Amino acid sequence: MRKIPLHEKGGIINEKGGEFCTVRLRIPAGLITLDQMEGIIQIARKFNTDIHLTTRQTMELVHVLPASLELLAAELDANGTPIGAEKAEIVNITACPGIDRCRFAMIDSISLAKTLDEKYFGKEMPVKFRIAVASCPNSCVSERLNEVGITGVVKPYRIPGTCTGCGTCVEYCKERAIAIKNGQIQMDNDRCVHCGMCIHSCPFHIIKADPPAYHITIGGRRGRHPRIGYHLVTVKTPETVVTIIDRVVQWVYRKAWSDSLLPDQLDTLDFETFKKELVASLPADEIITDY
């Protein structure tokens, strides 16, 4: 098998004019240590480059001379921030802060993103393949505009007979999915996006929730014609999420072709049949159908 030259790898991007290239780094979920940050600064100074912060939670070293790529790559590897991916590969996996910092978070988005990165980053694919993880439907990382999006969700419910009708949850619900009628709250499941805002806002802790779940979409697209991905399945555990992503990656790797973005191929790839077969293969007690 031919060894791919460094300048042909996905993390190396030719710049306008062809004299220089941009080097994208691998930084899963955008997390970096102080030592790694200092290392990147030192490397940038040594190779006389600037640093660009990207929309996918990573960095790029710009105006790099092609002749210095081998030495640059070795120093980036030693720094723990190796060359990333950009072409027809699984690229840098993004994630919101999650339960570590965000008061609206419902799942550990960082841990899941790191697990997916370790398993799939850089895998060659027929198409560019982006994965993003958001810990709630606020979608701070626009996960549903990625080829695969994972969103943390919860299903709220009230404890009958205990609501005081104070209306706090009504004020906080951005979807207008809650109303006060006859002194009691009523929830509109068709409007609810399962963000959990009403649960956090209830001063008497009357609104409760089932355990958080993972809502998975496929076929989202950014760019000049953005599109929200199609719902694939909602499941209970991160372990099942990894199993599903594995199936999706295998399906796309075997079936997709390279001249079109994945969202434009879903009909030809018979996404609905794949979805039915995938759901049928999962343990029934892992799937949530009423979201």
C-alpha atoms as a PDB file:
ATOM      1  CA  MET A   1       0.000   0.000   0.000  1.00  0.00           C
ATOM      2  CA  ARG A   2       1.318   3.427  -0.959  1.00  0.00           C
ATOM      3  CA  LYS A   3       2.340   5.580   1.976  1.00  0.00           C
ATOM      4  CA  ILE A   4       0.431   8.825   1.780  1.00  0.00           C
ATOM      5  CA  PRO A   5       2.850  11.767   1.606  1.00  0.00           C
ATOM      6  CA  LEU A   6       2.393  14.233   4.425  1.00  0.00           C
ATOM      7  CA  HIS A   7       1.357  17.061   2.095  1.00  0.00           C
ATOM      8  CA  GLU A   8      -1.523  14.933   0.771  1.00  0.00           C
ATOM      9  CA  LYS A   9      -3.072  14.293   4.181  1.00  0.00           C
ATOM     10  CA  GLY A  10      -6.314  15.982   5.164  1.00  0.00           C
ATOM     11  CA  GLY A  11      -4.883  18.287   7.787  1.00  0.00           C
ATOM     12  CA  ILE A  12      -2.650  19.982   5.225  1.00  0.00           C
ATOM     13  CA  ILE A  13      -4.571  22.612   3.249  1.00  0.00           C
ATOM     14  CA  ASN A  14      -3.046  24.352   0.251  1.00  0.00           C
ATOM     15  CA  GLU A  15      -3.338  28.121   0.441  1.00  0.00           C
ATOM     16  CA  LYS A  16      -4.185  30.528  -2.347  1.00  0.00           C
ATOM     17  CA  GLY A  17      -1.226  30.897  -4.698  1.00  0.00           C
ATOM     18  CA  GLY A  18       0.283  27.531  -3.788  1.00  0.00           C
ATOM     19  CA  GLU A  19       3.380  28.875  -2.044  1.00  0.00           C
ATOM     20  CA  PHE A  20       2.206  28.109   1.496  1.00  0.00           C
ATOM     21  CA  CYS A  21      -0.101  25.679   3.250  1.00  0.00           C
ATOM     22  CA  THR A  22      -2.268  25.736   6.355  1.00  0.00           C
ATOM     23  CA  VAL A  23      -1.829  23.005   8.964  1.00  0.00           C
ATOM     24  CA  ARG A  24      -4.930  22.063  10.947  1.00  0.00           C
ATOM     25  CA  LEU A  25      -4.470  20.515  14.394  1.00  0.00           C
ATOM     26  CA  ARG A  26      -6.310  17.700  16.114  1.00  0.00           C
ATOM     27  CA  ILE A  27      -7.916  19.063  19.284  1.00  0.00           C
ATOM     28  CA  PRO A  28     -10.910  16.879  20.291  1.00  0.00           C
ATOM     29  CA  ALA A  29     -13.827  18.937  21.671  1.00  0.00           C
ATOM     30  CA  GLY A  30     -11.597  22.015  21.607  1.00  0.00           C
ATOM     31  CA  LEU A  31      -9.927  21.099  24.912  1.00  0.00           C
ATOM     32  CA  ILE A  32      -6.255  21.860  25.336  1.00  0.00           C
ATOM     33  CA  THR A  33      -3.903  22.021  28.300  1.00  0.00           C
ATOM     34  CA  LEU A  34      -1.831  25.064  29.212  1.00  0.00           C
ATOM     35  CA  ASP A  35       1.337  23.130  28.359  1.00  0.00           C
ATOM     36  CA  GLN A  36      -0.050  22.231  24.937  1.00  0.00           C
ATOM     37  CA  MET A  37      -1.073  25.847  24.341  1.00  0.00           C
ATOM     38  CA  GLU A  38       2.406  27.055  25.231  1.00  0.00           C
ATOM     39  CA  GLY A  39       3.852  24.376  22.965  1.00  0.00           C
ATOM     40  CA  ILE A  40       1.741  25.515  20.018  1.00  0.00           C
ATOM     41  CA  ILE A  41       2.841  29.113  20.563  1.00  0.00           C
ATOM     42  CA  GLN A  42       6.495  28.051  20.640  1.00  0.00           C
ATOM     43  CA  ILE A  43       6.049  25.970  17.488  1.00  0.00           C
ATOM     44  CA  ALA A  44       4.288  28.833  15.715  1.00  0.00           C
ATOM     45  CA  ARG A  45       7.149  31.179  16.601  1.00  0.00           C
ATOM     46  CA  LYS A  46       9.774  28.682  15.511  1.00  0.00           C
ATOM     47  CA  PHE A  47       8.157  28.191  12.105  1.00  0.00           C
ATOM     48  CA  ASN A  48       7.179  31.864  11.772  1.00  0.00           C
ATOM     49  CA  THR A  49       3.435  31.181  11.408  1.00  0.00           C
ATOM     50  CA  ASP A  50       0.259  32.770  12.682  1.00  0.00           C
ATOM     51  CA  ILE A  51      -2.530  30.876  14.491  1.00  0.00           C
ATOM     52  CA  HIS A  52      -6.136  30.719  13.313  1.00  0.00           C
ATOM     53  CA  LEU A  53      -8.953  29.552  15.619  1.00  0.00           C
ATOM     54  CA  THR A  54     -11.451  27.570  13.568  1.00  0.00           C
ATOM     55  CA  THR A  55     -15.203  27.071  13.868  1.00  0.00           C
ATOM     56  CA  ARG A  56     -14.657  23.376  14.629  1.00  0.00           C
ATOM     57  CA  GLN A  57     -12.899  23.944  17.953  1.00  0.00           C
ATOM     58  CA  THR A  58      -9.382  23.505  16.695  1.00  0.00           C
ATOM     59  CA  MET A  59      -6.441  25.603  15.516  1.00  0.00           C
ATOM     60  CA  GLU A  60      -4.571  26.098  12.276  1.00  0.00           C
ATOM     61  CA  LEU A  61      -1.000  27.186  11.697  1.00  0.00           C
ATOM     62  CA  VAL A  62      -1.091  29.399   8.615  1.00  0.00           C
ATOM     63  CA  HIS A  63       1.454  30.309   5.912  1.00  0.00           C
ATOM     64  CA  VAL A  64       3.559  27.207   6.531  1.00  0.00           C
ATOM     65  CA  LEU A  65       6.302  26.408   4.009  1.00  0.00           C
ATOM     66  CA  PRO A  66       5.780  22.908   2.537  1.00  0.00           C
ATOM     67  CA  ALA A  67       9.478  22.123   3.003  1.00  0.00           C
ATOM     68  CA  SER A  68       9.070  22.372   6.790  1.00  0.00           C
ATOM     69  CA  LEU A  69       6.061  20.050   7.088  1.00  0.00           C
ATOM     70  CA  GLU A  70       7.933  16.942   8.250  1.00  0.00           C
ATOM     71  CA  LEU A  71       9.706  18.747  11.075  1.00  0.00           C
ATOM     72  CA  LEU A  72       6.540  20.655  12.015  1.00  0.00           C
ATOM     73  CA  ALA A  73       4.500  17.444  12.144  1.00  0.00           C
ATOM     74  CA  ALA A  74       7.049  15.800  14.437  1.00  0.00           C
ATOM     75  CA  GLU A  75       6.951  18.715  16.872  1.00  0.00           C
ATOM     76  CA  LEU A  76       3.163  18.813  16.859  1.00  0.00           C
ATOM     77  CA  ASP A  77       3.063  15.089  17.627  1.00  0.00           C
ATOM     78  CA  ALA A  78       5.454  15.556  20.533  1.00  0.00           C
ATOM     79  CA  ASN A  79       3.222  18.366  21.826  1.00  0.00           C
ATOM     80  CA  GLY A  80       0.131  16.138  21.871  1.00  0.00           C
ATOM     81  CA  THR A  81      -1.576  18.273  19.204  1.00  0.00           C
ATOM     82  CA  PRO A  82      -0.939  16.337  15.984  1.00  0.00           C
ATOM     83  CA  ILE A  83      -2.030  17.234  12.486  1.00  0.00           C
ATOM     84  CA  GLY A  84      -5.812  17.033  12.109  1.00  0.00           C
ATOM     85  CA  ALA A  85      -8.179  16.149   9.288  1.00  0.00           C
ATOM     86  CA  GLU A  86     -10.104  18.137   6.702  1.00  0.00           C
ATOM     87  CA  LYS A  87     -10.787  16.101   3.562  1.00  0.00           C
ATOM     88  CA  ALA A  88     -12.835  12.914   3.086  1.00  0.00           C
ATOM     89  CA  GLU A  89     -12.229  11.748   6.639  1.00  0.00           C
ATOM     90  CA  ILE A  90     -13.793  11.838  10.069  1.00  0.00           C
ATOM     91  CA  VAL A  91     -12.628  15.275  11.169  1.00  0.00           C
ATOM     92  CA  ASN A  92     -12.190  16.987  14.552  1.00  0.00           C
ATOM     93  CA  ILE A  93     -15.144  16.045  16.765  1.00  0.00           C
ATOM     94  CA  THR A  94     -16.760  19.017  18.469  1.00  0.00           C
ATOM     95  CA  ALA A  95     -18.668  19.272  21.736  1.00  0.00           C
ATOM     96  CA  CYS A  96     -20.207  21.845  24.051  1.00  0.00           C
ATOM     97  CA  PRO A  97     -18.917  22.216  27.659  1.00  0.00           C
ATOM     98  CA  GLY A  98     -21.472  19.689  28.941  1.00  0.00           C
ATOM     99  CA  ILE A  99     -22.116  18.796  32.557  1.00  0.00           C
ATOM    100  CA  ASP A 100     -18.629  19.914  33.577  1.00  0.00           C
ATOM    101  CA  ARG A 101     -19.586  23.610  33.304  1.00  0.00           C
ATOM    102  CA  CYS A 102     -22.972  24.323  31.743  1.00  0.00           C
ATOM    103  CA  ARG A 103     -26.019  24.653  33.997  1.00  0.00           C
ATOM    104  CA  PHE A 104     -28.314  23.547  31.153  1.00  0.00           C
ATOM    105  CA  ALA A 105     -26.326  20.412  30.325  1.00  0.00           C
ATOM    106  CA  MET A 106     -27.890  16.975  30.589  1.00  0.00           C
ATOM    107  CA  ILE A 107     -25.181  14.644  29.237  1.00  0.00           C
ATOM    108  CA  ASP A 108     -21.397  14.417  29.448  1.00  0.00           C
ATOM    109  CA  SER A 109     -20.711  15.709  25.958  1.00  0.00           C
ATOM    110  CA  ILE A 110     -16.958  16.047  26.462  1.00  0.00           C
ATOM    111  CA  SER A 111     -16.438  12.446  27.541  1.00  0.00           C
ATOM    112  CA  LEU A 112     -18.546  11.146  24.652  1.00  0.00           C
ATOM    113  CA  ALA A 113     -16.709  13.330  22.130  1.00  0.00           C
ATOM    114  CA  LYS A 114     -13.336  12.062  23.365  1.00  0.00           C
ATOM    115  CA  THR A 115     -14.511   8.453  23.124  1.00  0.00           C
ATOM    116  CA  LEU A 116     -15.694   8.986  19.555  1.00  0.00           C
ATOM    117  CA  ASP A 117     -12.482  10.812  18.661  1.00  0.00           C
ATOM    118  CA  GLU A 118     -10.298   7.963  19.924  1.00  0.00           C
ATOM    119  CA  LYS A 119     -12.317   5.455  17.954  1.00  0.00           C
ATOM    120  CA  TYR A 120     -12.953   7.247  14.671  1.00  0.00           C
ATOM    121  CA  PHE A 121     -10.824  10.346  14.142  1.00  0.00           C
ATOM    122  CA  GLY A 122      -9.000  10.414  10.801  1.00  0.00           C
ATOM    123  CA  LYS A 123     -10.739   7.374   9.365  1.00  0.00           C
ATOM    124  CA  GLU A 124     -10.778   7.664   5.580  1.00  0.00           C
ATOM    125  CA  MET A 125     -14.306   7.995   4.225  1.00  0.00           C
ATOM    126  CA  PRO A 126     -15.884   8.559   0.804  1.00  0.00           C
ATOM    127  CA  VAL A 127     -17.119  11.943   2.098  1.00  0.00           C
ATOM    128  CA  LYS A 128     -16.159  14.474   4.739  1.00  0.00           C
ATOM    129  CA  PHE A 129     -17.715  13.227   7.967  1.00  0.00           C
ATOM    130  CA  ARG A 130     -18.376  15.588  10.883  1.00  0.00           C
ATOM    131  CA  ILE A 131     -19.637  14.557  14.323  1.00  0.00           C
ATOM    132  CA  ALA A 132     -20.776  17.017  17.000  1.00  0.00           C
ATOM    133  CA  VAL A 133     -22.148  16.481  20.505  1.00  0.00           C
ATOM    134  CA  ALA A 134     -24.425  18.924  22.354  1.00  0.00           C
ATOM    135  CA  SER A 135     -25.532  18.363  25.922  1.00  0.00           C
ATOM    136  CA  CYS A 136     -28.969  19.943  25.356  1.00  0.00           C
ATOM    137  CA  PRO A 137     -31.231  21.194  22.532  1.00  0.00           C
ATOM    138  CA  ASN A 138     -29.784  24.711  22.803  1.00  0.00           C
ATOM    139  CA  SER A 139     -27.385  23.284  20.202  1.00  0.00           C
ATOM    140  CA  CYS A 140     -24.441  25.544  20.925  1.00  0.00           C
ATOM    141  CA  VAL A 141     -22.261  23.469  18.588  1.00  0.00           C
ATOM    142  CA  SER A 142     -24.928  23.251  15.834  1.00  0.00           C
ATOM    143  CA  GLU A 143     -24.734  19.475  16.052  1.00  0.00           C
ATOM    144  CA  ARG A 144     -27.807  18.941  13.883  1.00  0.00           C
ATOM    145  CA  LEU A 145     -26.011  20.678  11.003  1.00  0.00           C
ATOM    146  CA  ASN A 146     -23.355  17.953  11.002  1.00  0.00           C
ATOM    147  CA  GLU A 147     -23.304  14.634   9.192  1.00  0.00           C
ATOM    148  CA  VAL A 148     -23.941  13.113  12.622  1.00  0.00           C
ATOM    149  CA  GLY A 149     -25.362  15.081  15.530  1.00  0.00           C
ATOM    150  CA  ILE A 150     -25.884  13.882  19.106  1.00  0.00           C
ATOM    151  CA  THR A 151     -28.122  15.941  21.402  1.00  0.00           C
ATOM    152  CA  GLY A 152     -28.824  15.433  25.091  1.00  0.00           C
ATOM    153  CA  VAL A 153     -32.559  15.522  25.843  1.00  0.00           C
ATOM    154  CA  VAL A 154     -34.901  14.932  28.794  1.00  0.00           C
ATOM    155  CA  LYS A 155     -38.617  14.284  28.980  1.00  0.00           C
ATOM    156  CA  PRO A 156     -40.263  16.421  31.694  1.00  0.00           C
ATOM    157  CA  TYR A 157     -43.307  15.408  33.683  1.00  0.00           C
ATOM    158  CA  ARG A 158     -45.141  17.004  36.587  1.00  0.00           C
ATOM    159  CA  ILE A 159     -46.144  15.430  39.869  1.00  0.00           C
ATOM    160  CA  PRO A 160     -49.977  15.573  39.900  1.00  0.00           C
ATOM    161  CA  GLY A 161     -51.631  17.452  42.722  1.00  0.00           C
ATOM    162  CA  THR A 162     -48.556  19.325  43.891  1.00  0.00           C
ATOM    163  CA  CYS A 163     -48.318  22.203  41.403  1.00  0.00           C
ATOM    164  CA  THR A 164     -49.010  25.625  42.912  1.00  0.00           C
ATOM    165  CA  GLY A 165     -49.682  27.239  39.549  1.00  0.00           C
ATOM    166  CA  CYS A 166     -47.013  29.908  40.133  1.00  0.00           C
ATOM    167  CA  GLY A 167     -46.265  30.100  36.400  1.00  0.00           C
ATOM    168  CA  THR A 168     -42.482  30.210  36.683  1.00  0.00           C
ATOM    169  CA  CYS A 169     -42.061  27.365  34.218  1.00  0.00           C
ATOM    170  CA  VAL A 170     -44.377  29.115  31.755  1.00  0.00           C
ATOM    171  CA  GLU A 171     -42.127  32.176  31.767  1.00  0.00           C
ATOM    172  CA  TYR A 172     -38.977  30.123  31.262  1.00  0.00           C
ATOM    173  CA  CYS A 173     -40.273  27.825  28.502  1.00  0.00           C
ATOM    174  CA  LYS A 174     -38.979  29.251  25.220  1.00  0.00           C
ATOM    175  CA  GLU A 175     -41.193  26.935  23.171  1.00  0.00           C
ATOM    176  CA  ARG A 176     -44.478  28.030  24.781  1.00  0.00           C
ATOM    177  CA  ALA A 177     -45.086  24.382  25.527  1.00  0.00           C
ATOM    178  CA  ILE A 178     -46.513  24.996  29.025  1.00  0.00           C
ATOM    179  CA  ALA A 179     -49.698  26.773  30.067  1.00  0.00           C
ATOM    180  CA  ILE A 180     -51.526  27.297  33.362  1.00  0.00           C
ATOM    181  CA  LYS A 181     -55.131  26.118  33.295  1.00  0.00           C
ATOM    182  CA  ASN A 182     -57.314  25.937  36.376  1.00  0.00           C
ATOM    183  CA  GLY A 183     -54.281  26.503  38.548  1.00  0.00           C
ATOM    184  CA  GLN A 184     -52.342  23.567  37.088  1.00  0.00           C
ATOM    185  CA  ILE A 185     -49.658  23.346  34.435  1.00  0.00           C
ATOM    186  CA  GLN A 186     -50.427  21.613  31.171  1.00  0.00           C
ATOM    187  CA  MET A 187     -47.656  20.512  28.827  1.00  0.00           C
ATOM    188  CA  ASP A 188     -47.881  20.482  25.037  1.00  0.00           C
ATOM    189  CA  ASN A 189     -45.735  17.551  23.948  1.00  0.00           C
ATOM    190  CA  ASP A 190     -45.857  18.639  20.311  1.00  0.00           C
ATOM    191  CA  ARG A 191     -44.148  21.922  21.170  1.00  0.00           C
ATOM    192  CA  CYS A 192     -41.695  20.539  23.738  1.00  0.00           C
ATOM    193  CA  VAL A 193     -38.088  20.126  22.527  1.00  0.00           C
ATOM    194  CA  HIS A 194     -37.027  18.311  25.731  1.00  0.00           C
ATOM    195  CA  CYS A 195     -34.532  20.951  26.801  1.00  0.00           C
ATOM    196  CA  GLY A 196     -35.220  20.636  30.536  1.00  0.00           C
ATOM    197  CA  MET A 197     -35.575  24.377  31.067  1.00  0.00           C
ATOM    198  CA  CYS A 198     -38.844  23.943  32.945  1.00  0.00           C
ATOM    199  CA  ILE A 199     -37.249  21.426  35.283  1.00  0.00           C
ATOM    200  CA  HIS A 200     -34.456  23.814  36.243  1.00  0.00           C
ATOM    201  CA  SER A 201     -36.825  26.736  36.676  1.00  0.00           C
ATOM    202  CA  CYS A 202     -39.417  25.132  38.985  1.00  0.00           C
ATOM    203  CA  PRO A 203     -38.843  26.686  42.443  1.00  0.00           C
ATOM    204  CA  PHE A 204     -40.679  23.837  44.165  1.00  0.00           C
ATOM    205  CA  HIS A 205     -39.053  20.991  42.198  1.00  0.00           C
ATOM    206  CA  ILE A 206     -42.453  19.731  41.112  1.00  0.00           C
ATOM    207  CA  ILE A 207     -41.463  19.169  37.476  1.00  0.00           C
ATOM    208  CA  LYS A 208     -39.292  16.079  37.206  1.00  0.00           C
ATOM    209  CA  ALA A 209     -37.704  14.235  34.294  1.00  0.00           C
ATOM    210  CA  ASP A 210     -36.818  10.809  33.067  1.00  0.00           C
ATOM    211  CA  PRO A 211     -33.055  10.118  32.854  1.00  0.00           C
ATOM    212  CA  PRO A 212     -31.326  12.045  30.050  1.00  0.00           C
ATOM    213  CA  ALA A 213     -31.307  10.467  26.607  1.00  0.00           C
ATOM    214  CA  TYR A 214     -29.302  10.811  23.395  1.00  0.00           C
ATOM    215  CA  HIS A 215     -31.087  12.092  20.297  1.00  0.00           C
ATOM    216  CA  ILE A 216     -29.118  11.182  17.135  1.00  0.00           C
ATOM    217  CA  THR A 217     -29.506  12.866  13.761  1.00  0.00           C
ATOM    218  CA  ILE A 218     -27.835  12.141  10.448  1.00  0.00           C
ATOM    219  CA  GLY A 219     -27.406  14.082   7.233  1.00  0.00           C
ATOM    220  CA  GLY A 220     -27.090  17.628   8.519  1.00  0.00           C
ATOM    221  CA  ARG A 221     -25.280  20.176   6.401  1.00  0.00           C
ATOM    222  CA  ARG A 222     -23.594  23.519   6.918  1.00  0.00           C
ATOM    223  CA  GLY A 223     -22.394  25.814   4.170  1.00  0.00           C
ATOM    224  CA  ARG A 224     -24.342  27.681   1.527  1.00  0.00           C
ATOM    225  CA  HIS A 225     -27.381  25.400   1.762  1.00  0.00           C
ATOM    226  CA  PRO A 226     -27.652  24.430   5.463  1.00  0.00           C
ATOM    227  CA  ARG A 227     -30.025  21.675   6.483  1.00  0.00           C
ATOM    228  CA  ILE A 228     -30.943  20.051   9.777  1.00  0.00           C
ATOM    229  CA  GLY A 229     -30.208  16.341   9.946  1.00  0.00           C
ATOM    230  CA  TYR A 230     -32.898  13.672   9.989  1.00  0.00           C
ATOM    231  CA  HIS A 231     -33.760  11.896  13.230  1.00  0.00           C
ATOM    232  CA  LEU A 232     -32.210   8.451  13.370  1.00  0.00           C
ATOM    233  CA  VAL A 233     -32.996   7.192  16.872  1.00  0.00           C
ATOM    234  CA  THR A 234     -33.091   8.276  20.514  1.00  0.00           C
ATOM    235  CA  VAL A 235     -31.381   5.979  23.023  1.00  0.00           C
ATOM    236  CA  LYS A 236     -30.621   5.800  26.720  1.00  0.00           C
ATOM    237  CA  THR A 237     -26.866   5.285  27.115  1.00  0.00           C
ATOM    238  CA  PRO A 238     -23.604   6.584  25.644  1.00  0.00           C
ATOM    239  CA  GLU A 239     -22.485   2.997  25.053  1.00  0.00           C
ATOM    240  CA  THR A 240     -25.401   2.510  22.671  1.00  0.00           C
ATOM    241  CA  VAL A 241     -24.545   5.810  20.992  1.00  0.00           C
ATOM    242  CA  VAL A 242     -21.062   4.480  20.201  1.00  0.00           C
ATOM    243  CA  THR A 243     -22.574   1.284  18.800  1.00  0.00           C
ATOM    244  CA  ILE A 244     -24.874   3.321  16.567  1.00  0.00           C
ATOM    245  CA  ILE A 245     -22.089   5.606  15.331  1.00  0.00           C
ATOM    246  CA  ASP A 246     -20.087   2.508  14.459  1.00  0.00           C
ATOM    247  CA  ARG A 247     -22.970   1.229  12.337  1.00  0.00           C
ATOM    248  CA  VAL A 248     -23.413   4.608  10.664  1.00  0.00           C
ATOM    249  CA  VAL A 249     -19.709   4.893   9.856  1.00  0.00           C
ATOM    250  CA  GLN A 250     -19.679   1.396   8.357  1.00  0.00           C
ATOM    251  CA  TRP A 251     -22.802   2.126   6.315  1.00  0.00           C
ATOM    252  CA  VAL A 252     -21.424   5.365   4.894  1.00  0.00           C
ATOM    253  CA  TYR A 253     -18.005   3.822   4.252  1.00  0.00           C
ATOM    254  CA  ARG A 254     -19.521   0.947   2.263  1.00  0.00           C
ATOM    255  CA  LYS A 255     -22.337   2.727   0.462  1.00  0.00           C
ATOM    256  CA  ALA A 256     -21.511   6.399  -0.144  1.00  0.00           C
ATOM    257  CA  TRP A 257     -19.494   7.799  -3.046  1.00  0.00           C
ATOM    258  CA  SER A 258     -17.050  10.663  -3.220  1.00  0.00           C
ATOM    259  CA  ASP A 259     -18.589  13.146  -5.656  1.00  0.00           C
ATOM    260  CA  SER A 260     -21.404  14.348  -3.412  1.00  0.00           C
ATOM    261  CA  LEU A 261     -21.932  15.398   0.201  1.00  0.00           C
ATOM    262  CA  LEU A 262     -23.581  12.822   2.459  1.00  0.00           C
ATOM    263  CA  PRO A 263     -26.835  14.819   2.921  1.00  0.00           C
ATOM    264  CA  ASP A 264     -27.320  14.791  -0.844  1.00  0.00           C
ATOM    265  CA  GLN A 265     -26.961  11.006  -0.979  1.00  0.00           C
ATOM    266  CA  LEU A 266     -29.407   9.896   1.719  1.00  0.00           C
ATOM    267  CA  ASP A 267     -32.283   9.140  -0.652  1.00  0.00           C
ATOM    268  CA  THR A 268     -30.062   7.109  -2.979  1.00  0.00           C
ATOM    269  CA  LEU A 269     -28.480   5.323  -0.020  1.00  0.00           C
ATOM    270  CA  ASP A 270     -32.002   4.401   1.148  1.00  0.00           C
ATOM    271  CA  PHE A 271     -31.660   6.021   4.553  1.00  0.00           C
ATOM    272  CA  GLU A 272     -35.120   4.918   5.692  1.00  0.00           C
ATOM    273  CA  THR A 273     -34.294   1.239   5.166  1.00  0.00           C
ATOM    274  CA  PHE A 274     -30.999   1.643   7.015  1.00  0.00           C
ATOM    275  CA  LYS A 275     -32.832   3.385   9.863  1.00  0.00           C
ATOM    276  CA  LYS A 276     -35.386   0.582  10.197  1.00  0.00           C
ATOM    277  CA  GLU A 277     -32.705  -2.111  10.163  1.00  0.00           C
ATOM    278  CA  LEU A 278     -30.591  -0.233  12.696  1.00  0.00           C
ATOM    279  CA  VAL A 279     -33.451   0.335  15.128  1.00  0.00           C
ATOM    280  CA  ALA A 280     -34.525  -3.311  14.793  1.00  0.00           C
ATOM    281  CA  SER A 281     -31.009  -4.456  15.720  1.00  0.00           C
ATOM    282  CA  LEU A 282     -30.867  -2.481  18.974  1.00  0.00           C
ATOM    283  CA  PRO A 283     -32.091  -3.790  22.353  1.00  0.00           C
ATOM    284  CA  ALA A 284     -35.701  -2.688  22.724  1.00  0.00           C
ATOM    285  CA  ASP A 285     -35.126  -1.383  26.243  1.00  0.00           C
ATOM    286  CA  GLU A 286     -32.454   1.019  24.930  1.00  0.00           C
ATOM    287  CA  ILE A 287     -34.712   2.829  22.475  1.00  0.00           C
ATOM    288  CA  ILE A 288     -36.975   5.737  23.395  1.00  0.00           C
ATOM    289  CA  THR A 289     -39.876   6.210  21.006  1.00  0.00           C
ATOM    290  CA  ASP A 290     -41.962   8.966  22.606  1.00  0.00           C
ATOM    291  CA  TYR A 291     -39.584  11.889  22.047  1.00  0.00           C
END
